[in-house]
Amino acid sequence: MPYINGRIVNTLNDDFYKYLPYCTKDVYGQPYLEFYGPDKGRLTPMCPYTEFWQDKVAELVERIGKELGANAVYIDQLAASIPKLCFDKSHGHPLGGGSWWVDGYRKMLEKVRKVAHSDGRDIIITSEMAAEHYIDLVDAFLICVKRDGKSIPMSPAVYSGYSIYFGSPAPLEYSDRAWIMVQGRDFLWGCQNGWMGFEILLPEHSKKAAFLRKIGQYRIAAKKFITYGELVDTIAHHQVVTEYWSDRNGNPYSVTLPVIQGSVWKGPNGSLSILLVNYLEREESIDLEIDLESYGLKTRTNAYQVSQIHPDNTQVKSVINEAVFRYTEVMGPWEICVLEINMY
């Protein structure tokens, strides 16, 4: 998935004169300047309302597909950035603010998607952070900020099945359990784990790497729920565990999560999946009591088949004859459990 930037260009580039008429301008008619470090040039945001910039980004995506054969392109900053107030009247939009910023990017993404799915290509389009106003035009969003212990899964609860979220950054300086808590919660909430360096393969991070590998395997095994399904509920053990994460400035703070955390997902065919992660490095159990009919899983006979999904197979555990699923799951250290419930 090659990287391009859908928002800024370097004013120090030899061909910047071609871009100057189409970059955003302040009230004095001067390009806005942004600095990303002393060795990274003087950058300016382009105006997404101009056809020049829309076509340039679409052209880059097409070239990446043609010349590199890539099946995905990451368009940085597009979904993450706030609008610039552009006062260049030659661009044809209302001066200053307005819906034209989003309108322009939507036109750009429509052009991007056209070339991404032409001539036999099937290119996935991704961008930085999540933006509701582009969710129908972007296939996946990189969530690249440190996780907060008090977050709730609002976006996947509303938009799971419409888009994919990926990236689960956490400093490797975290304790093994603190790091695993970040990864486990992202997995339960449907975010595709990853976006980290190869430092994770160092011997001192072997437990983190093993857990990340396990999560990747379970995500593939349960993709009909996590990728194509809908997040419908969360599950929490009555006991909690506390660890330390850090804020964006590196300051540590305590985070308290259930010792076993879980979620309920509904598949495209109406079946349910229960995902559980044990954050303890010892065996722990959780008592489940789930009203299946409350999630739309209803049969005339009240017969349901319960299976356990493993990375390499799915095993039928039992058939139950009531609409309330009562079950005690005993989980090993840092174990993942995925159950599937279908009408029988």
Protein backbone atom coordinates (compact mmCIF):
# COMPACT_ATOMS: atom_id res chain seq x y z
CA MET A 1 0.00 0.00 0.00
CA PRO A 2 2.17 2.90 -1.24
CA TYR A 3 1.88 6.28 0.47
CA ILE A 4 0.91 9.55 -1.18
CA ASN A 5 -0.28 12.79 0.41
CA GLY A 6 -3.67 14.03 -0.69
CA ARG A 7 -3.37 17.45 0.90
CA ILE A 8 0.07 19.11 0.82
CA VAL A 9 2.96 19.73 -1.58
CA ASN A 10 6.50 20.97 -0.96
CA THR A 11 7.02 24.59 -1.96
CA LEU A 12 10.75 23.85 -2.44
CA ASN A 13 10.10 21.39 -5.25
CA ASP A 14 11.46 22.49 -8.63
CA ASP A 15 8.01 22.24 -10.23
CA PHE A 16 6.10 24.03 -7.47
CA TYR A 17 5.27 26.84 -9.91
CA LYS A 18 2.78 24.45 -11.51
CA TYR A 19 0.99 23.98 -8.18
CA LEU A 20 1.11 27.56 -6.89
CA PRO A 21 -2.12 28.74 -8.60
CA TYR A 22 -4.07 25.90 -7.02
CA CYS A 23 -2.85 25.94 -3.41
CA THR A 24 -4.88 27.47 -0.59
CA LYS A 25 -4.32 31.21 -0.06
CA ASP A 26 -4.81 33.41 2.97
CA VAL A 27 -6.60 36.78 2.92
CA TYR A 28 -3.43 38.39 1.53
CA GLY A 29 -3.26 35.94 -1.36
CA GLN A 30 -0.26 34.08 0.07
CA PRO A 31 0.00 30.29 0.33
CA TYR A 32 -0.39 28.84 3.80
CA LEU A 33 2.85 27.30 5.01
CA GLU A 34 3.29 24.26 7.25
CA PHE A 35 6.55 22.90 8.64
CA TYR A 36 7.10 19.23 9.49
CA GLY A 37 10.68 19.47 10.71
CA PRO A 38 13.82 21.29 9.53
CA ASP A 39 14.67 18.72 6.86
CA LYS A 40 11.22 18.22 5.38
CA GLY A 41 10.67 21.45 3.48
CA ARG A 42 8.04 24.17 3.53
CA LEU A 43 4.69 22.58 2.71
CA THR A 44 1.43 24.12 1.61
CA PRO A 45 -2.09 22.65 1.52
CA MET A 46 -3.62 22.37 -1.92
CA CYS A 47 -7.19 23.48 -2.55
CA PRO A 48 -9.34 20.35 -2.96
CA TYR A 49 -11.98 22.29 -4.88
CA THR A 50 -9.67 22.78 -7.87
CA GLU A 51 -9.88 20.23 -10.67
CA PHE A 52 -6.10 20.46 -11.00
CA TRP A 53 -5.52 18.93 -7.57
CA GLN A 54 -8.39 16.46 -7.84
CA ASP A 55 -7.01 15.17 -11.12
CA LYS A 56 -3.41 15.11 -9.87
CA VAL A 57 -4.24 12.81 -6.94
CA ALA A 58 -6.39 10.58 -9.18
CA GLU A 59 -3.51 10.43 -11.67
CA LEU A 60 -1.09 9.33 -8.95
CA VAL A 61 -3.44 6.55 -7.84
CA GLU A 62 -3.83 5.38 -11.44
CA ARG A 63 -0.05 5.36 -11.97
CA ILE A 64 0.50 3.38 -8.77
CA GLY A 65 -1.97 0.81 -10.06
CA LYS A 66 -0.52 0.68 -13.56
CA GLU A 67 3.21 0.99 -12.90
CA LEU A 68 3.54 -0.75 -9.53
CA GLY A 69 0.61 -3.15 -9.63
CA ALA A 70 -0.35 -2.15 -6.08
CA ASN A 71 -3.80 -3.11 -4.85
CA ALA A 72 -4.07 -0.36 -2.21
CA VAL A 73 -3.10 3.31 -1.89
CA TYR A 74 -2.82 5.31 1.33
CA ILE A 75 -3.84 8.97 0.84
CA ASP A 76 -2.42 10.74 3.87
CA GLN A 77 -4.02 13.64 5.79
CA LEU A 78 -7.12 13.83 3.62
CA ALA A 79 -9.58 12.53 6.22
CA ALA A 80 -7.66 13.87 9.23
CA SER A 81 -7.25 17.53 8.36
CA ILE A 82 -9.43 20.51 9.12
CA PRO A 83 -10.32 22.89 6.25
CA LYS A 84 -8.15 25.85 5.36
CA LEU A 85 -9.94 29.13 4.73
CA CYS A 86 -9.04 29.75 1.11
CA PHE A 87 -9.45 33.23 -0.38
CA ASP A 88 -8.34 32.59 -3.97
CA LYS A 89 -11.31 33.69 -6.06
CA SER A 90 -9.93 31.95 -9.16
CA HIS A 91 -10.77 28.58 -7.59
CA GLY A 92 -14.49 29.17 -8.02
CA HIS A 93 -15.59 28.44 -4.45
CA PRO A 94 -17.05 30.83 -1.85
CA LEU A 95 -14.20 32.73 -0.20
CA GLY A 96 -13.18 31.59 3.26
CA GLY A 97 -15.02 28.62 4.70
CA GLY A 98 -17.95 26.59 3.49
CA SER A 99 -18.94 23.09 2.45
CA TRP A 100 -16.78 23.44 -0.65
CA TRP A 101 -13.80 21.87 1.17
CA VAL A 102 -15.60 18.58 1.75
CA ASP A 103 -17.37 18.83 -1.61
CA GLY A 104 -14.00 19.17 -3.31
CA TYR A 105 -12.49 16.17 -1.57
CA ARG A 106 -15.57 14.11 -2.33
CA LYS A 107 -15.21 14.92 -6.04
CA MET A 108 -11.53 13.99 -5.78
CA LEU A 109 -12.34 10.67 -4.14
CA GLU A 110 -14.98 9.91 -6.75
CA LYS A 111 -12.32 10.39 -9.44
CA VAL A 112 -9.87 8.31 -7.42
CA ARG A 113 -12.34 5.46 -7.07
CA LYS A 114 -13.09 5.54 -10.79
CA VAL A 115 -9.44 4.98 -11.74
CA ALA A 116 -8.99 2.55 -8.83
CA HIS A 117 -11.64 0.26 -10.31
CA SER A 118 -10.97 0.67 -14.03
CA ASP A 119 -9.12 -1.56 -16.49
CA GLY A 120 -9.32 -4.58 -14.23
CA ARG A 121 -7.88 -2.83 -11.19
CA ASP A 122 -9.38 -3.28 -7.72
CA ILE A 123 -7.45 -0.81 -5.56
CA ILE A 124 -8.38 -0.19 -1.94
CA ILE A 125 -8.33 3.47 -0.89
CA THR A 126 -7.33 4.36 2.67
CA SER A 127 -6.71 7.59 4.56
CA GLU A 128 -5.63 8.96 7.93
CA MET A 129 -8.06 9.00 10.86
CA ALA A 130 -11.84 8.61 10.54
CA ALA A 131 -14.15 11.05 8.79
CA GLU A 132 -17.88 10.42 8.46
CA HIS A 133 -18.20 12.65 5.40
CA TYR A 134 -15.88 10.42 3.33
CA ILE A 135 -16.93 7.03 4.71
CA ASP A 136 -18.71 5.98 1.51
CA LEU A 137 -15.62 6.79 -0.59
CA VAL A 138 -12.76 5.52 1.62
CA ASP A 139 -12.42 1.78 2.24
CA ALA A 140 -10.40 1.95 5.45
CA PHE A 141 -9.19 4.54 7.93
CA LEU A 142 -5.85 4.45 9.79
CA ILE A 143 -6.48 5.34 13.45
CA CYS A 144 -2.96 6.42 14.32
CA VAL A 145 -3.34 8.09 17.72
CA LYS A 146 -2.50 6.59 21.10
CA ARG A 147 -5.46 4.90 22.69
CA ASP A 148 -7.26 6.42 25.66
CA GLY A 149 -8.38 4.24 28.54
CA LYS A 150 -11.77 5.97 28.75
CA SER A 151 -12.71 5.60 25.07
CA ILE A 152 -15.93 3.94 23.95
CA PRO A 153 -16.47 2.15 20.59
CA MET A 154 -18.79 4.80 19.15
CA SER A 155 -17.56 4.68 15.55
CA PRO A 156 -17.64 0.89 15.11
CA ALA A 157 -20.99 0.73 16.90
CA VAL A 158 -22.45 3.15 14.35
CA TYR A 159 -20.44 2.41 11.22
CA SER A 160 -19.15 -1.18 11.45
CA GLY A 161 -19.88 -2.84 8.13
CA TYR A 162 -19.55 0.48 6.30
CA SER A 163 -15.81 0.93 6.68
CA ILE A 164 -12.72 -0.68 8.19
CA TYR A 165 -10.51 0.87 10.86
CA PHE A 166 -6.89 -0.22 11.15
CA GLY A 167 -3.83 0.53 13.25
CA SER A 168 -3.42 -0.03 16.99
CA PRO A 169 -0.36 2.01 18.02
CA ALA A 170 1.01 1.52 21.51
CA PRO A 171 4.57 2.18 22.73
CA LEU A 172 6.61 -0.99 23.12
CA GLU A 173 7.83 0.52 26.39
CA TYR A 174 4.45 -0.43 27.86
CA SER A 175 4.46 -3.48 30.09
CA ASP A 176 3.40 -6.65 28.27
CA ARG A 177 -0.03 -6.61 29.88
CA ALA A 178 -0.60 -2.88 29.29
CA TRP A 179 0.29 -3.35 25.60
CA ILE A 180 -1.89 -6.44 25.30
CA MET A 181 -4.81 -4.51 26.81
CA VAL A 182 -4.52 -1.93 24.01
CA GLN A 183 -4.38 -4.62 21.34
CA GLY A 184 -7.11 -6.75 22.87
CA ARG A 185 -9.59 -3.89 23.16
CA ASP A 186 -8.94 -2.78 19.56
CA PHE A 187 -9.52 -6.36 18.39
CA LEU A 188 -12.80 -6.59 20.31
CA TRP A 189 -13.98 -3.29 18.84
CA GLY A 190 -13.16 -4.33 15.27
CA CYS A 191 -10.01 -2.33 14.58
CA GLN A 192 -7.45 -4.24 12.51
CA ASN A 193 -4.35 -4.40 14.71
CA GLY A 194 -0.97 -3.25 13.48
CA TRP A 195 0.91 -0.12 12.35
CA MET A 196 4.07 -0.69 14.33
CA GLY A 197 7.75 -1.16 13.61
CA PHE A 198 9.79 -4.33 13.34
CA GLU A 199 11.19 -3.60 16.80
CA ILE A 200 8.34 -5.78 18.02
CA LEU A 201 10.37 -8.78 16.80
CA LEU A 202 13.16 -8.11 19.33
CA PRO A 203 13.46 -10.84 21.99
CA GLU A 204 12.34 -8.55 24.80
CA HIS A 205 8.98 -8.08 23.06
CA SER A 206 8.33 -11.75 22.32
CA LYS A 207 5.13 -11.86 24.38
CA LYS A 208 3.74 -8.81 22.59
CA ALA A 209 4.61 -10.27 19.19
CA ALA A 210 3.00 -13.61 20.04
CA PHE A 211 -0.22 -11.90 21.09
CA LEU A 212 -0.28 -9.74 17.95
CA ARG A 213 0.16 -12.85 15.81
CA LYS A 214 -2.67 -14.57 17.65
CA ILE A 215 -4.97 -11.59 17.19
CA GLY A 216 -4.21 -11.48 13.46
CA GLN A 217 -5.10 -15.15 13.12
CA TYR A 218 -8.37 -14.73 15.00
CA ARG A 219 -9.32 -11.66 12.99
CA ILE A 220 -9.07 -13.66 9.78
CA ALA A 221 -10.97 -16.58 11.30
CA ALA A 222 -13.78 -14.27 12.48
CA LYS A 223 -13.76 -11.87 9.52
CA LYS A 224 -17.42 -12.48 8.63
CA PHE A 225 -18.23 -10.77 11.91
CA ILE A 226 -15.41 -8.30 12.58
CA THR A 227 -14.92 -7.15 8.97
CA TYR A 228 -18.36 -7.61 7.43
CA GLY A 229 -20.58 -7.59 10.51
CA GLU A 230 -21.96 -5.14 13.04
CA LEU A 231 -20.81 -4.41 16.59
CA VAL A 232 -23.96 -4.66 18.72
CA ASP A 233 -22.81 -4.86 22.35
CA THR A 234 -19.92 -5.02 24.80
CA ILE A 235 -19.19 -7.51 27.59
CA ALA A 236 -17.31 -6.87 30.82
CA HIS A 237 -16.12 -9.14 33.63
CA HIS A 238 -17.10 -7.90 37.11
CA GLN A 239 -13.43 -7.79 38.18
CA VAL A 240 -10.96 -5.25 36.81
CA VAL A 241 -7.25 -4.89 36.17
CA THR A 242 -5.25 -1.65 36.22
CA GLU A 243 -2.17 -0.84 34.14
CA TYR A 244 -0.40 2.31 32.92
CA TRP A 245 -0.65 3.81 29.44
CA SER A 246 0.75 7.20 28.38
CA ASP A 247 -0.89 10.26 26.87
CA ARG A 248 0.28 11.94 23.66
CA ASN A 249 2.90 13.85 25.67
CA GLY A 250 4.31 10.66 27.15
CA ASN A 251 2.88 11.19 30.64
CA PRO A 252 1.74 7.93 32.29
CA TYR A 253 -1.78 7.49 33.63
CA SER A 254 -3.67 4.54 35.03
CA VAL A 255 -6.11 2.58 32.90
CA THR A 256 -8.65 0.16 34.36
CA LEU A 257 -10.35 -2.47 32.18
CA PRO A 258 -12.29 -5.66 32.96
CA VAL A 259 -10.01 -8.65 33.52
CA ILE A 260 -11.95 -10.30 30.68
CA GLN A 261 -13.37 -7.93 28.10
CA GLY A 262 -15.70 -8.86 25.28
CA SER A 263 -18.00 -7.79 22.50
CA VAL A 264 -20.99 -9.12 20.58
CA TRP A 265 -21.03 -8.94 16.77
CA LYS A 266 -23.82 -9.72 14.35
CA GLY A 267 -22.90 -11.32 11.02
CA PRO A 268 -24.46 -10.50 7.63
CA ASN A 269 -26.72 -13.57 7.92
CA GLY A 270 -27.94 -12.60 11.40
CA SER A 271 -25.74 -15.03 13.34
CA LEU A 272 -23.97 -13.77 16.46
CA SER A 273 -20.38 -13.92 17.60
CA ILE A 274 -19.04 -13.42 21.11
CA LEU A 275 -15.42 -12.24 21.32
CA LEU A 276 -13.52 -12.45 24.60
CA VAL A 277 -9.97 -11.55 25.67
CA ASN A 278 -8.40 -12.44 29.00
CA TYR A 279 -5.99 -9.69 30.12
CA LEU A 280 -4.57 -11.75 32.98
CA GLU A 281 -1.49 -13.94 32.76
CA ARG A 282 -3.39 -16.66 34.58
CA GLU A 283 -6.57 -18.65 34.10
CA GLU A 284 -9.84 -16.76 34.63
CA SER A 285 -13.50 -17.51 33.95
CA ILE A 286 -16.47 -15.38 32.92
CA ASP A 287 -20.18 -16.13 33.26
CA LEU A 288 -22.20 -15.20 30.17
CA GLU A 289 -25.93 -14.62 30.01
CA ILE A 290 -27.00 -13.29 26.62
CA ASP A 291 -30.55 -12.83 25.37
CA LEU A 292 -30.22 -13.95 21.75
CA GLU A 293 -33.66 -12.68 20.71
CA SER A 294 -32.73 -9.15 21.79
CA TYR A 295 -30.20 -9.16 18.92
CA GLY A 296 -32.71 -10.48 16.40
CA LEU A 297 -31.62 -14.12 16.55
CA LYS A 298 -34.99 -15.85 16.96
CA THR A 299 -36.26 -19.29 16.00
CA ARG A 300 -39.65 -20.96 16.35
CA THR A 301 -38.07 -23.95 18.06
CA ASN A 302 -35.67 -21.99 20.32
CA ALA A 303 -32.83 -24.21 19.09
CA TYR A 304 -29.40 -22.68 18.60
CA GLN A 305 -26.03 -24.12 17.64
CA VAL A 306 -23.00 -22.86 19.54
CA SER A 307 -19.57 -23.22 17.91
CA GLN A 308 -16.08 -22.11 18.84
CA ILE A 309 -14.00 -20.45 16.14
CA HIS A 310 -10.27 -21.21 16.11
CA PRO A 311 -7.73 -19.88 13.59
CA ASP A 312 -7.54 -23.32 11.94
CA ASN A 313 -11.09 -24.65 12.37
CA THR A 314 -14.57 -24.20 13.83
CA GLN A 315 -15.84 -26.75 16.34
CA VAL A 316 -19.48 -27.27 17.32
CA LYS A 317 -19.72 -27.09 21.11
CA SER A 318 -23.41 -27.66 21.78
CA VAL A 319 -27.01 -27.13 20.77
CA ILE A 320 -29.09 -25.14 23.24
CA ASN A 321 -32.89 -25.03 23.43
CA GLU A 322 -33.53 -21.64 24.94
CA ALA A 323 -33.21 -18.07 23.72
CA VAL A 324 -30.99 -17.04 26.63
CA PHE A 325 -27.42 -18.26 26.24
CA ARG A 326 -25.99 -19.09 29.67
CA TYR A 327 -22.42 -20.28 29.67
CA THR A 328 -19.19 -20.13 31.68
CA GLU A 329 -16.03 -19.72 29.63
CA VAL A 330 -12.73 -20.64 31.30
CA MET A 331 -9.88 -18.79 29.61
CA GLY A 332 -6.16 -19.38 29.83
CA PRO A 333 -3.51 -16.65 30.24
CA TRP A 334 -3.93 -13.88 27.65
CA GLU A 335 -6.28 -16.16 25.74
CA ILE A 336 -8.73 -15.16 23.01
CA CYS A 337 -12.10 -16.86 22.63
CA VAL A 338 -14.50 -16.49 19.70
CA LEU A 339 -17.93 -18.15 19.88
CA GLU A 340 -20.49 -18.31 17.06
CA ILE A 341 -24.21 -18.79 17.61
CA ASN A 342 -26.53 -19.75 14.76
CA MET A 343 -30.14 -20.77 14.49
CA TYR A 344 -30.30 -24.57 14.50
